[in-house]
Amino acid sequence: MIEFLYAVLTLVFVVAGLTMVGMAMRAYVQTSRRAMLHLSLGFALAVAGAAATMISAFMTDFGASSTTNPESLLLVNSALTTFGYLFVIYSLVSYEA
């Protein structure tokens, strides 16, 4: 049951994140502001981290029967999410009105 909830919540996060990527790309096309590219890249990295972690977790049976340990999955997720949020922060700081 917990695996099902994890998958559902991750998929909701991925759909919401990709929606944000699309909205930021549309804003870039309309305004040509580079901050929108950074924003879309940030959300894309956060989504990639969540998706890669979910896929890897299910492929390795959550580290139970594999050489891949759960700590490495969490490290990849944290790294991609952190770099994604750094791009989001940079887009907010560099946005010129």
Protein backbone atom coordinates (compact mmCIF):
# COMPACT_ATOMS: atom_id res chain seq x y z
CA MET A 1 0.00 0.00 0.00
CA ILE A 2 2.81 2.44 0.84
CA GLU A 3 4.43 1.80 -2.55
CA PHE A 4 1.16 2.64 -4.28
CA LEU A 5 0.80 5.91 -2.36
CA TYR A 6 4.43 6.78 -3.13
CA ALA A 7 3.86 6.16 -6.83
CA VAL A 8 0.64 8.19 -6.93
CA LEU A 9 2.11 11.15 -5.05
CA THR A 10 5.25 11.11 -7.19
CA LEU A 11 3.18 11.04 -10.38
CA VAL A 12 1.11 14.00 -9.14
CA PHE A 13 4.36 15.85 -8.38
CA VAL A 14 5.71 15.02 -11.86
CA VAL A 15 2.53 16.22 -13.61
CA ALA A 16 2.44 19.43 -11.56
CA GLY A 17 6.14 20.02 -12.16
CA LEU A 18 5.87 19.46 -15.89
CA THR A 19 2.94 21.85 -15.95
CA MET A 20 5.19 24.47 -14.35
CA VAL A 21 7.91 23.72 -16.90
CA GLY A 22 5.40 24.26 -19.70
CA MET A 23 4.11 27.49 -18.19
CA ALA A 24 7.65 28.83 -17.75
CA MET A 25 8.56 27.93 -21.33
CA ARG A 26 5.42 29.64 -22.62
CA ALA A 27 6.32 32.72 -20.57
CA TYR A 28 9.81 32.65 -22.11
CA VAL A 29 8.36 32.51 -25.63
CA GLN A 30 6.04 35.42 -24.87
CA THR A 31 8.53 37.62 -23.00
CA SER A 32 12.02 36.43 -24.07
CA ARG A 33 13.17 36.73 -20.43
CA ARG A 34 16.04 34.38 -19.66
CA ALA A 35 14.78 34.04 -16.08
CA MET A 36 11.92 31.95 -17.45
CA LEU A 37 14.42 29.50 -18.96
CA HIS A 38 16.13 29.17 -15.58
CA LEU A 39 12.75 28.67 -13.94
CA SER A 40 11.78 25.90 -16.35
CA LEU A 41 15.17 24.22 -15.94
CA GLY A 42 14.79 24.32 -12.17
CA PHE A 43 11.40 22.67 -12.23
CA ALA A 44 12.61 20.14 -14.81
CA LEU A 45 15.50 19.11 -12.54
CA ALA A 46 13.19 18.71 -9.55
CA VAL A 47 10.85 16.56 -11.63
CA ALA A 48 13.76 14.52 -12.97
CA GLY A 49 14.93 13.81 -9.44
CA ALA A 50 11.52 12.61 -8.32
CA ALA A 51 10.92 10.53 -11.44
CA ALA A 52 14.38 8.95 -11.42
CA THR A 53 14.06 8.07 -7.76
CA MET A 54 10.65 6.48 -8.21
CA ILE A 55 11.70 4.48 -11.25
CA SER A 56 14.90 3.31 -9.59
CA ALA A 57 13.12 2.44 -6.36
CA PHE A 58 10.64 0.19 -8.13
CA MET A 59 13.28 -1.34 -10.40
CA THR A 60 15.45 -2.29 -7.42
CA ASP A 61 12.55 -3.29 -5.16
CA PHE A 62 13.41 -0.33 -2.94
CA GLY A 63 16.95 -1.62 -2.44
CA ALA A 64 15.83 -4.91 -0.85
CA SER A 65 17.23 -7.29 -3.45
CA SER A 66 19.85 -5.27 -5.24
CA THR A 67 23.29 -3.80 -4.87
CA THR A 68 21.70 -0.36 -5.06
CA ASN A 69 21.02 0.96 -1.61
CA PRO A 70 18.22 3.37 -0.72
CA GLU A 71 20.74 6.00 0.39
CA SER A 72 22.06 6.36 -3.17
CA LEU A 73 18.51 6.83 -4.47
CA LEU A 74 17.91 9.54 -1.90
CA LEU A 75 21.23 11.19 -2.76
CA VAL A 76 20.30 11.45 -6.44
CA ASN A 77 16.87 12.81 -5.54
CA SER A 78 18.31 15.37 -3.13
CA ALA A 79 21.01 16.47 -5.58
CA LEU A 80 18.65 17.00 -8.52
CA THR A 81 16.04 18.69 -6.35
CA THR A 82 18.63 20.98 -4.76
CA PHE A 83 20.08 22.05 -8.11
CA GLY A 84 16.55 22.52 -9.42
CA TYR A 85 15.64 24.80 -6.54
CA LEU A 86 18.89 26.73 -7.02
CA PHE A 87 17.82 27.45 -10.60
CA VAL A 88 14.38 28.52 -9.38
CA ILE A 89 15.99 30.88 -6.86
CA TYR A 90 18.33 32.24 -9.52
CA SER A 91 15.39 32.88 -11.83
CA LEU A 92 13.67 34.90 -9.11
CA VAL A 93 16.81 36.88 -8.26
CA SER A 94 17.78 37.56 -11.86
CA TYR A 95 14.30 38.54 -13.06
CA GLU A 96 14.39 42.16 -14.18
CA ALA A 97 11.09 43.93 -14.11
